[in-house]
């Protein structure tokens, strides 16, 4: 059996992938885990590490590059983000990813509702737990600066290293040495200073590369139920302490919470796109903000309440008035003016019953 005990290894097809860090052999299931506009996802067993993974095979190289770029920045950032274990560039781009459990749409419709219609008395608590977990995952993507809390004082070190010119440091220290020491020692100290500045530059590059996330924000741009997954093996109706956010091929990283992009680069899902995108008819560029993910989160709640098993055919926010706190939250997220939509911290606060207004 494979690690997750879903398949016999003898039923899996052996395939070698040319990962960027070397060739690796996988045993791949012929059955799809999922399928989307840009590729398919397969279950696979990775004998080298003895774990089961998800192989995401792309049919569109630009979207593959986008997802790899984002995942490379946020990999290992938080437990709520699906992990990338490696990737192949040629002949087709394949990302080796952590294997998640059921997506939220399937989990809620099959394991929670179990053929019933939504009833607040029976289902509101577990749906609230699911949405709280999803909101926490979304907050990690939106506020990547949360990593600052884990890095601590390295933030201060980073700023000193990033904004200080090595050349200026050299000149200042050299001038000080000239005042304090005789000329015949200057050559020795000049050599020492060059060594120090060289080490300084190397350290600067390392810190910038590995801790640059502390000042970046993310816009996922495809928030919906199927892009949140449970932990593999999680029991139905169990307490929802952790979930994973997936699918970053439409995502953007920015340093101020918004970004201007070409319209053709914006890929979303129908009704999940906010009115500020659907109503921008002219021009070649469009401004994306984090409030667009909040709108999509509202649509996600709406779908759980009104169409948990089927595709969402329409949005009627006034009907949310009869669905208690979750209806109130969804309606707030669906406000037409993005400035009036709540921040993700307010969403989390509301779901935790720590505040009553949204």
Protein backbone atom coordinates (compact mmCIF):
# COMPACT_ATOMS: atom_id res chain seq x y z
CA UNK A 1 0.00 0.00 0.00
CA UNK A 2 1.03 3.62 -0.48
CA UNK A 3 1.53 5.89 2.51
CA UNK A 4 -2.08 7.15 2.59
CA UNK A 5 -3.35 3.55 2.15
CA UNK A 6 -5.62 4.40 -0.77
CA UNK A 7 -3.76 2.46 -3.47
CA UNK A 8 -1.71 -0.68 -3.82
CA UNK A 9 1.70 0.22 -5.18
CA UNK A 10 1.32 -2.50 -7.80
CA UNK A 11 -1.65 -0.59 -9.26
CA UNK A 12 0.38 2.59 -9.74
CA UNK A 13 2.37 3.50 -12.82
CA UNK A 14 6.08 4.25 -12.38
CA UNK A 15 7.29 7.49 -13.90
CA UNK A 16 10.53 9.46 -13.60
CA UNK A 17 10.36 13.24 -13.37
CA UNK A 18 13.24 15.61 -14.07
CA UNK A 19 12.89 17.84 -11.03
CA UNK A 20 15.05 20.94 -10.87
CA UNK A 21 17.10 19.32 -8.09
CA UNK A 22 17.50 15.96 -9.82
CA UNK A 23 15.58 13.00 -11.20
CA UNK A 24 13.00 11.33 -8.95
CA UNK A 25 10.77 8.30 -9.47
CA UNK A 26 7.06 8.40 -8.63
CA UNK A 27 4.29 5.80 -8.64
CA UNK A 28 1.31 7.59 -10.16
CA UNK A 29 -2.38 6.78 -10.02
CA UNK A 30 -4.22 6.88 -13.37
CA UNK A 31 -7.22 8.42 -11.61
CA UNK A 32 -7.51 12.18 -11.45
CA UNK A 33 -7.61 13.93 -8.08
CA UNK A 34 -8.86 17.04 -9.79
CA UNK A 35 -8.97 18.88 -13.07
CA UNK A 36 -9.03 22.55 -14.02
CA UNK A 37 -8.65 25.00 -16.85
CA UNK A 38 -4.86 24.80 -16.82
CA UNK A 39 -4.15 21.17 -16.04
CA UNK A 40 -4.81 18.01 -14.04
CA UNK A 41 -3.85 16.77 -10.58
CA UNK A 42 -2.87 13.16 -9.86
CA UNK A 43 -2.22 11.18 -6.71
CA UNK A 44 1.32 9.76 -6.53
CA UNK A 45 3.53 7.84 -4.13
CA UNK A 46 7.10 9.14 -3.75
CA UNK A 47 9.24 6.11 -2.81
CA UNK A 48 12.36 8.18 -2.04
CA UNK A 49 10.60 9.85 0.90
CA UNK A 50 7.88 7.25 1.49
CA UNK A 51 5.06 9.81 1.21
CA UNK A 52 2.04 10.40 -0.98
CA UNK A 53 1.94 13.66 -2.94
CA UNK A 54 -0.18 15.47 -5.51
CA UNK A 55 1.30 15.99 -8.99
CA UNK A 56 -0.11 19.05 -10.72
CA UNK A 57 0.51 18.78 -14.46
CA UNK A 58 0.03 22.01 -16.43
CA UNK A 59 -1.04 22.46 -20.03
CA UNK A 60 -0.27 26.20 -19.97
CA UNK A 61 3.32 27.20 -19.18
CA UNK A 62 2.67 30.82 -18.14
CA UNK A 63 0.22 29.80 -15.42
CA UNK A 64 2.66 27.16 -14.25
CA UNK A 65 5.39 29.79 -13.93
CA UNK A 66 3.03 32.05 -11.99
CA UNK A 67 2.16 29.35 -9.47
CA UNK A 68 5.78 28.28 -9.01
CA UNK A 69 6.81 31.90 -8.49
CA UNK A 70 4.21 32.46 -5.79
CA UNK A 71 4.74 29.11 -4.05
CA UNK A 72 8.51 29.62 -4.04
CA UNK A 73 7.95 32.85 -2.09
CA UNK A 74 5.44 31.52 0.42
CA UNK A 75 6.56 27.89 0.75
CA UNK A 76 6.88 26.90 4.44
CA UNK A 77 5.37 30.26 5.42
CA UNK A 78 2.50 28.74 7.36
CA UNK A 79 0.68 25.45 7.92
CA UNK A 80 -2.42 26.87 6.16
CA UNK A 81 -0.63 27.01 2.78
CA UNK A 82 -0.22 23.89 0.66
CA UNK A 83 3.48 23.03 0.33
CA UNK A 84 5.50 22.65 -2.86
CA UNK A 85 8.09 19.85 -2.69
CA UNK A 86 9.64 20.46 -6.11
CA UNK A 87 8.83 20.85 -9.79
CA UNK A 88 9.74 19.76 -13.29
CA UNK A 89 10.11 22.32 -16.07
CA UNK A 90 10.48 20.11 -19.16
CA UNK A 91 8.95 18.55 -21.21
CA UNK A 92 5.78 19.53 -19.33
CA UNK A 93 5.65 21.55 -16.16
CA UNK A 94 4.67 19.43 -13.16
CA UNK A 95 4.61 20.64 -9.55
CA UNK A 96 5.07 18.12 -6.74
CA UNK A 97 2.79 19.26 -3.94
CA UNK A 98 1.68 18.20 -0.50
CA UNK A 99 -1.32 15.88 -0.68
CA UNK A 100 -4.40 17.46 0.86
CA UNK A 101 -7.74 15.93 1.77
CA UNK A 102 -11.20 16.70 0.40
CA UNK A 103 -11.93 20.15 -0.95
CA UNK A 104 -14.42 22.13 1.12
CA UNK A 105 -17.25 21.88 -1.42
CA UNK A 106 -17.09 18.08 -1.43
CA UNK A 107 -16.45 17.84 2.30
CA UNK A 108 -19.47 19.97 3.20
CA UNK A 109 -21.90 18.45 0.69
CA UNK A 110 -21.00 14.79 1.31
CA UNK A 111 -19.60 14.47 4.83
CA UNK A 112 -21.55 17.21 6.60
CA UNK A 113 -24.89 17.55 4.83
CA UNK A 114 -25.05 13.85 3.91
CA UNK A 115 -28.00 14.30 1.56
CA UNK A 116 -29.83 16.84 3.75
CA UNK A 117 -30.59 20.48 3.03
CA UNK A 118 -28.70 23.14 4.98
CA UNK A 119 -30.19 23.67 8.43
CA UNK A 120 -28.66 26.30 10.70
CA UNK A 121 -29.54 24.33 13.83
CA UNK A 122 -27.45 21.36 12.72
CA UNK A 123 -24.88 22.72 10.31
CA UNK A 124 -24.05 26.31 11.24
CA UNK A 125 -21.38 25.45 13.82
CA UNK A 126 -19.33 23.17 11.57
CA UNK A 127 -19.72 25.56 8.61
CA UNK A 128 -18.55 28.42 10.83
CA UNK A 129 -15.49 26.37 11.82
CA UNK A 130 -14.76 25.65 8.17
CA UNK A 131 -15.11 29.31 7.20
CA UNK A 132 -12.95 30.42 10.13
CA UNK A 133 -10.23 28.02 9.04
CA UNK A 134 -10.55 29.27 5.44
CA UNK A 135 -10.39 32.91 6.60
CA UNK A 136 -7.22 32.21 8.56
CA UNK A 137 -5.69 30.59 5.48
CA UNK A 138 -6.72 33.57 3.34
CA UNK A 139 -5.21 35.95 5.89
CA UNK A 140 -1.84 34.24 5.53
CA UNK A 141 -1.90 34.84 1.77
CA UNK A 142 -3.12 38.40 2.11
CA UNK A 143 -0.81 39.45 4.90
CA UNK A 144 2.46 37.71 4.31
CA UNK A 145 4.00 40.22 6.74
CA UNK A 146 2.64 37.92 9.46
CA UNK A 147 5.90 36.04 9.00
CA UNK A 148 7.55 39.05 10.65
CA UNK A 149 6.30 37.78 14.00
CA UNK A 150 8.22 34.56 13.46
CA UNK A 151 11.39 36.27 12.28
CA UNK A 152 11.45 38.83 15.09
CA UNK A 153 14.45 41.12 15.14
CA UNK A 154 15.65 39.87 11.76
CA UNK A 155 13.25 42.45 10.33
CA UNK A 156 15.41 45.21 11.79
CA UNK A 157 18.57 43.49 10.55
CA UNK A 158 17.05 43.14 7.09
CA UNK A 159 16.21 46.82 6.87
CA UNK A 160 19.74 47.82 7.89
CA UNK A 161 21.29 45.45 5.38
CA UNK A 162 18.89 46.27 2.57
CA UNK A 163 18.97 50.07 2.78
CA UNK A 164 22.65 50.54 3.74
CA UNK A 165 25.06 50.96 0.88
CA UNK A 166 28.18 48.77 1.28
CA UNK A 167 30.20 51.42 -0.54
CA UNK A 168 29.16 54.13 1.92
CA UNK A 169 29.94 51.83 4.86
CA UNK A 170 33.40 51.24 3.40
CA UNK A 171 34.12 54.94 2.95
CA UNK A 172 32.89 55.92 6.39
CA UNK A 173 34.85 53.21 8.20
CA UNK A 174 37.95 53.87 6.09
CA UNK A 175 37.87 57.58 6.95
CA UNK A 176 37.64 56.69 10.61
CA UNK A 177 40.65 54.40 10.31
CA UNK A 178 42.66 57.14 8.57
CA UNK A 179 42.14 59.40 11.51
CA UNK A 180 43.11 56.79 14.06
CA UNK A 181 45.99 54.91 12.54
CA UNK A 182 49.20 55.65 10.73
CA UNK A 183 49.41 55.54 6.96
CA UNK A 184 51.49 52.36 6.85
CA UNK A 185 48.59 50.42 8.44
CA UNK A 186 46.05 51.71 5.93
CA UNK A 187 46.74 49.01 3.34
CA UNK A 188 46.21 46.26 5.88
CA UNK A 189 42.93 47.71 7.08
CA UNK A 190 41.83 48.38 3.51
CA UNK A 191 42.24 44.66 2.77
CA UNK A 192 40.39 43.69 5.94
CA UNK A 193 37.58 46.07 5.14
CA UNK A 194 37.20 44.63 1.66
CA UNK A 195 36.81 41.18 3.19
CA UNK A 196 34.24 42.51 5.67
CA UNK A 197 32.27 44.34 2.97
CA UNK A 198 32.30 41.22 0.78
CA UNK A 199 30.81 39.21 3.64
CA UNK A 200 28.34 42.05 4.24
CA UNK A 201 27.12 41.91 0.63
CA UNK A 202 26.71 38.12 0.72
CA UNK A 203 24.73 38.36 3.97
CA UNK A 204 22.60 41.12 2.46
CA UNK A 205 21.67 38.93 -0.52
CA UNK A 206 20.84 35.98 1.71
CA UNK A 207 18.59 38.04 3.98
CA UNK A 208 16.84 39.74 1.07
CA UNK A 209 16.23 36.41 -0.64
CA UNK A 210 14.89 34.51 2.34
CA UNK A 211 13.11 37.19 4.33
CA UNK A 212 11.72 39.50 1.65
CA UNK A 213 8.24 38.10 2.33
CA UNK A 214 8.00 40.19 5.47
CA UNK A 215 7.00 43.24 3.44
CA UNK A 216 4.85 41.59 0.78
CA UNK A 217 1.10 41.08 0.43
CA UNK A 218 -0.71 38.52 -1.68
CA UNK A 219 -3.92 38.55 -3.72
CA UNK A 220 -5.13 35.00 -4.35
CA UNK A 221 -7.74 35.88 -7.01
CA UNK A 222 -9.44 32.47 -6.95
CA UNK A 223 -10.97 32.15 -3.49
CA UNK A 224 -13.71 29.49 -3.50
CA UNK A 225 -14.67 26.29 -1.72
CA UNK A 226 -12.75 23.91 -3.96
CA UNK A 227 -9.52 25.80 -3.29
CA UNK A 228 -9.56 24.99 0.41
CA UNK A 229 -8.80 21.41 1.39
CA UNK A 230 -9.02 19.46 4.61
CA UNK A 231 -6.08 17.66 6.13
CA UNK A 232 -5.72 14.18 4.66
CA UNK A 233 -7.56 11.67 6.83
CA UNK A 234 -9.49 14.26 8.81
CA UNK A 235 -12.64 12.71 10.26
CA UNK A 236 -16.03 13.95 9.17
CA UNK A 237 -17.67 16.28 11.69
CA UNK A 238 -14.39 16.53 13.56
CA UNK A 239 -13.19 19.87 14.87
CA UNK A 240 -11.81 21.94 12.00
CA UNK A 241 -8.51 23.23 13.38
CA UNK A 242 -6.54 23.34 10.18
CA UNK A 243 -7.11 23.46 6.44
CA UNK A 244 -4.97 24.33 3.43
CA UNK A 245 -5.39 26.94 0.73
CA UNK A 246 -4.36 25.77 -2.75
CA UNK A 247 -4.21 26.83 -6.43
CA UNK A 248 -2.03 29.92 -6.81
CA UNK A 249 -1.82 30.08 -10.60
CA UNK A 250 -4.00 33.22 -10.66
CA UNK A 251 -2.32 34.88 -7.67
CA UNK A 252 -0.23 38.04 -7.45
CA UNK A 253 2.30 39.29 -4.92
CA UNK A 254 2.48 43.01 -4.24
CA UNK A 255 4.15 45.28 -1.73
CA UNK A 256 1.17 47.52 -0.94
CA UNK A 257 -2.02 45.43 -1.16
CA UNK A 258 -2.85 46.34 -4.76
CA UNK A 259 -1.35 45.92 -8.20
CA UNK A 260 -2.02 47.04 -11.79
CA UNK A 261 -2.00 44.19 -14.29
CA UNK A 262 -3.04 43.56 -17.87
CA UNK A 263 -6.67 42.52 -18.16
CA UNK A 264 -5.74 39.32 -19.97
CA UNK A 265 -3.71 38.25 -16.91
CA UNK A 266 -6.79 38.29 -14.68
CA UNK A 267 -8.34 34.87 -14.44
CA UNK A 268 -11.24 34.24 -12.11
CA UNK A 269 -14.41 32.22 -11.74
CA UNK A 270 -17.60 33.85 -13.02
CA UNK A 271 -19.73 35.05 -10.13
CA UNK A 272 -16.73 35.07 -7.79
CA UNK A 273 -15.30 38.08 -9.63
CA UNK A 274 -16.30 41.36 -7.94
CA UNK A 275 -18.21 44.11 -9.73
CA UNK A 276 -15.15 46.37 -9.93
CA UNK A 277 -13.65 43.82 -12.35
CA UNK A 278 -16.82 42.99 -14.27
CA UNK A 279 -17.64 46.69 -14.71
CA UNK A 280 -14.24 47.77 -16.01
CA UNK A 281 -14.89 47.62 -19.73
CA UNK A 282 -12.32 50.07 -21.09
CA UNK A 283 -8.53 50.09 -21.01
CA UNK A 284 -5.96 47.37 -21.13
CA UNK A 285 -5.02 47.34 -17.46
CA UNK A 286 -6.96 46.72 -14.27
CA UNK A 287 -6.20 47.41 -10.62
CA UNK A 288 -6.44 44.40 -8.31
CA UNK A 289 -6.87 44.80 -4.56
CA UNK A 290 -7.16 42.45 -1.62
CA UNK A 291 -10.84 43.38 -1.25
CA UNK A 292 -11.48 41.24 -4.33
CA UNK A 293 -10.61 38.15 -2.30
CA UNK A 294 -13.04 39.32 0.39
CA UNK A 295 -15.83 39.50 -2.20
CA UNK A 296 -15.02 35.97 -3.38
CA UNK A 297 -15.12 34.81 0.25
CA UNK A 298 -18.65 36.19 0.47
CA UNK A 299 -19.62 34.26 -2.67
CA UNK A 300 -18.11 31.14 -1.10
CA UNK A 301 -20.35 31.51 1.96
CA UNK A 302 -23.35 32.14 -0.29
CA UNK A 303 -22.69 28.94 -2.22
CA UNK A 304 -22.44 26.87 0.97
CA UNK A 305 -25.80 28.22 2.09
CA UNK A 306 -27.77 28.09 -1.18
CA UNK A 307 -26.04 25.73 -3.59
CA UNK A 308 -23.72 23.32 -1.73
CA UNK A 309 -24.01 20.52 -4.30
CA UNK A 310 -24.40 22.36 -7.61
CA UNK A 311 -22.81 25.16 -9.59
CA UNK A 312 -23.81 28.61 -8.43
CA UNK A 313 -26.18 30.15 -10.99
CA UNK A 314 -26.85 33.56 -9.48
CA UNK A 315 -26.29 35.89 -6.51
CA UNK A 316 -29.17 37.45 -4.59
CA UNK A 317 -27.64 39.12 -1.51
CA UNK A 318 -31.02 40.19 -0.05
CA UNK A 319 -31.89 36.53 0.52
CA UNK A 320 -29.01 36.36 3.03
CA UNK A 321 -31.07 38.33 5.56
CA UNK A 322 -32.66 35.09 6.74
CA UNK A 323 -29.44 33.19 7.42
CA UNK A 324 -28.28 34.62 10.74
CA UNK A 325 -24.66 35.57 11.37
CA UNK A 326 -23.29 33.76 8.33
CA UNK A 327 -25.79 35.53 6.11
CA UNK A 328 -24.80 38.85 7.67
CA UNK A 329 -21.12 38.14 7.07
CA UNK A 330 -21.66 37.06 3.46
CA UNK A 331 -23.69 40.19 2.74
CA UNK A 332 -20.94 42.39 4.20
CA UNK A 333 -18.32 40.70 2.01
CA UNK A 334 -20.52 41.15 -1.07
CA UNK A 335 -20.87 44.92 -0.74
CA UNK A 336 -20.54 46.52 -4.15
CA UNK A 337 -18.16 49.23 -2.95
CA UNK A 338 -14.88 47.49 -2.06
CA UNK A 339 -14.03 50.14 0.54
CA UNK A 340 -17.03 49.04 2.61
CA UNK A 341 -16.13 45.37 2.63
CA UNK A 342 -14.57 44.11 5.87
CA UNK A 343 -10.89 43.38 6.32
CA UNK A 344 -9.91 39.75 6.82
CA UNK A 345 -9.19 40.41 10.51
CA UNK A 346 -12.76 41.61 10.95
CA UNK A 347 -14.04 38.45 9.23
CA UNK A 348 -12.04 36.28 11.61
CA UNK A 349 -13.18 38.31 14.61
CA UNK A 350 -16.82 37.93 13.55
CA UNK A 351 -16.53 34.18 12.97
CA UNK A 352 -14.96 33.77 16.40
CA UNK A 353 -17.89 35.66 17.99
CA UNK A 354 -15.48 38.25 19.34
CA UNK A 355 -17.35 41.08 17.61
CA UNK A 356 -20.98 41.50 16.59
CA UNK A 357 -20.71 44.13 13.86
CA UNK A 358 -19.23 43.60 10.45
